[in-house]
Protein backbone atom coordinates (compact mmCIF):
# COMPACT_ATOMS: atom_id res chain seq x y z
CA MET A 1 21.52 25.52 78.56
CA PRO A 2 18.78 22.49 78.34
CA GLU A 3 19.39 20.30 75.63
CA THR A 4 16.86 20.53 73.25
CA LEU A 5 14.49 17.41 72.18
CA PRO A 6 13.36 16.43 68.69
CA PRO A 7 9.47 17.13 68.48
CA LYS A 8 6.91 14.67 70.46
CA THR A 9 6.01 11.63 68.47
CA CYS A 10 2.84 11.33 70.56
CA SER A 11 0.68 12.80 72.94
CA ILE A 12 0.99 12.48 76.46
CA GLU A 13 -2.35 10.90 77.33
CA ARG A 14 -1.30 7.76 74.90
CA LEU A 15 2.25 7.71 77.68
CA VAL A 16 0.59 5.10 80.50
CA THR A 17 -2.42 3.29 79.07
CA VAL A 18 -2.11 -0.52 80.10
CA ALA A 19 -4.61 -0.73 83.11
CA GLU A 20 -1.62 -2.66 84.90
CA ASP A 21 0.48 0.13 84.42
CA VAL A 22 -1.93 2.77 85.50
CA GLU A 23 -2.40 0.96 88.93
CA LYS A 24 1.15 0.79 89.15
CA VAL A 25 1.50 4.71 89.33
CA ILE A 26 -1.43 5.15 91.51
CA ARG A 27 0.15 3.15 93.89
CA GLY A 28 3.62 5.12 93.25
CA GLU A 29 5.45 1.41 92.31
CA LYS A 30 6.04 3.20 89.01
CA THR A 31 7.89 6.48 88.20
CA ALA A 32 9.08 5.91 84.56
CA THR A 33 8.16 4.86 81.46
CA ARG A 34 10.04 4.06 78.12
CA ARG A 35 8.65 4.15 74.80
CA ASN A 36 10.54 4.16 71.24
CA GLY A 37 8.95 7.85 70.61
CA ARG A 38 8.53 10.84 72.84
CA TYR A 39 5.07 11.36 74.32
CA ALA A 40 6.13 14.21 76.55
CA ASP A 41 7.89 17.42 77.76
CA PRO A 42 9.61 18.21 80.81
CA GLY A 43 7.03 19.88 83.30
CA GLU A 44 3.49 18.58 81.17
CA ILE A 45 1.39 16.70 83.24
CA MET A 46 0.09 13.36 82.66
CA GLU A 47 -3.62 12.86 84.22
CA LEU A 48 -4.78 8.91 85.46
CA GLN A 49 -7.55 8.38 87.24
CA GLY A 50 -7.83 12.36 88.78
CA GLN A 51 -4.84 12.49 89.62
CA GLN A 52 -1.89 14.36 88.51
CA PHE A 53 1.39 13.40 87.31
CA GLU A 54 4.74 16.00 86.62
CA VAL A 55 6.92 14.79 83.74
CA HIS A 56 9.92 15.85 85.17
CA LYS A 57 12.85 14.22 82.69
CA VAL A 58 12.76 13.06 79.31
CA TYR A 59 15.62 11.18 77.88
CA GLN A 60 17.51 8.51 75.49
CA GLN A 61 18.89 5.28 76.93
CA SER A 62 19.66 2.01 74.95
CA LEU A 63 18.09 -1.16 75.84
CA GLY A 64 21.05 -2.58 76.70
CA GLU A 65 21.99 0.13 79.62
CA LEU A 66 18.98 -0.92 81.12
CA THR A 67 19.68 -1.55 84.96
CA ASP A 68 17.89 -3.19 87.05
CA ALA A 69 17.30 0.04 89.44
CA ASP A 70 15.73 1.40 85.90
CA VAL A 71 13.36 -1.26 85.34
CA GLN A 72 12.43 -1.17 89.22
CA ALA A 73 11.09 2.60 88.17
CA GLU A 74 8.84 0.67 85.24
CA GLY A 75 7.67 -1.23 88.25
CA TYR A 76 9.65 -4.41 87.69
CA ALA A 77 11.90 -6.46 89.59
CA ASP A 78 14.67 -7.07 86.97
CA VAL A 79 15.83 -6.52 83.36
CA GLU A 80 14.81 -10.22 82.53
CA SER A 81 10.86 -9.55 83.95
CA TYR A 82 10.26 -5.98 82.09
CA LYS A 83 12.11 -7.23 78.79
CA ASN A 84 9.60 -10.44 79.23
CA TYR A 85 6.95 -7.82 80.08
CA ILE A 86 7.60 -5.74 76.09
CA LEU A 87 8.19 -8.52 74.60
CA SER A 88 4.57 -9.80 75.21
CA MET A 89 3.13 -6.73 74.50
CA HIS A 90 4.93 -6.28 71.55
CA ALA A 91 5.08 -9.88 69.40
CA GLY A 92 7.48 -10.35 66.74
CA MET A 93 9.58 -7.12 68.03
CA PRO A 94 13.23 -8.01 68.57
CA TRP A 95 15.23 -6.81 71.53
CA LEU A 96 17.77 -5.52 70.38
CA PRO A 97 20.52 -3.67 73.04
CA HIS A 98 21.36 -0.94 70.65
CA MET A 99 18.09 0.09 70.09
CA LYS A 100 17.16 3.68 71.76
CA VAL A 101 14.01 4.14 73.27
CA TRP A 102 12.88 7.53 75.28
CA VAL A 103 12.30 7.32 78.66
CA HIS A 104 9.76 9.28 80.54
CA GLU A 105 10.31 10.07 84.39
CA PHE A 106 7.56 11.46 86.58
CA ARG A 107 6.10 12.33 89.78
CA ARG A 108 2.80 13.03 91.66
CA VAL A 109 1.94 16.40 91.73
CA GLN A 110 1.36 17.01 95.50
């Protein structure tokens, strides 16, 4: 039986909004994004620049569990560069290894 997810805290339209990240998704360099809340359900379609992407996996992960492979799906070379990016976007936010985030994995709709 599929895991029951809690209600979404935001809408899929807000999942990927930074222009640089949108470009990475369009180029196929970004196939996942992490957020503090849940922005999409599996099967939901995100539209960016007229192209559609289907969210196929949504799950929680702690920041301390992040691997280089995880952040490469985010479009970053390694955990350190991803961490620096996130902290630059959220001034004053601490990087807490136990902090849980929602992972949204997506793929282009053919």
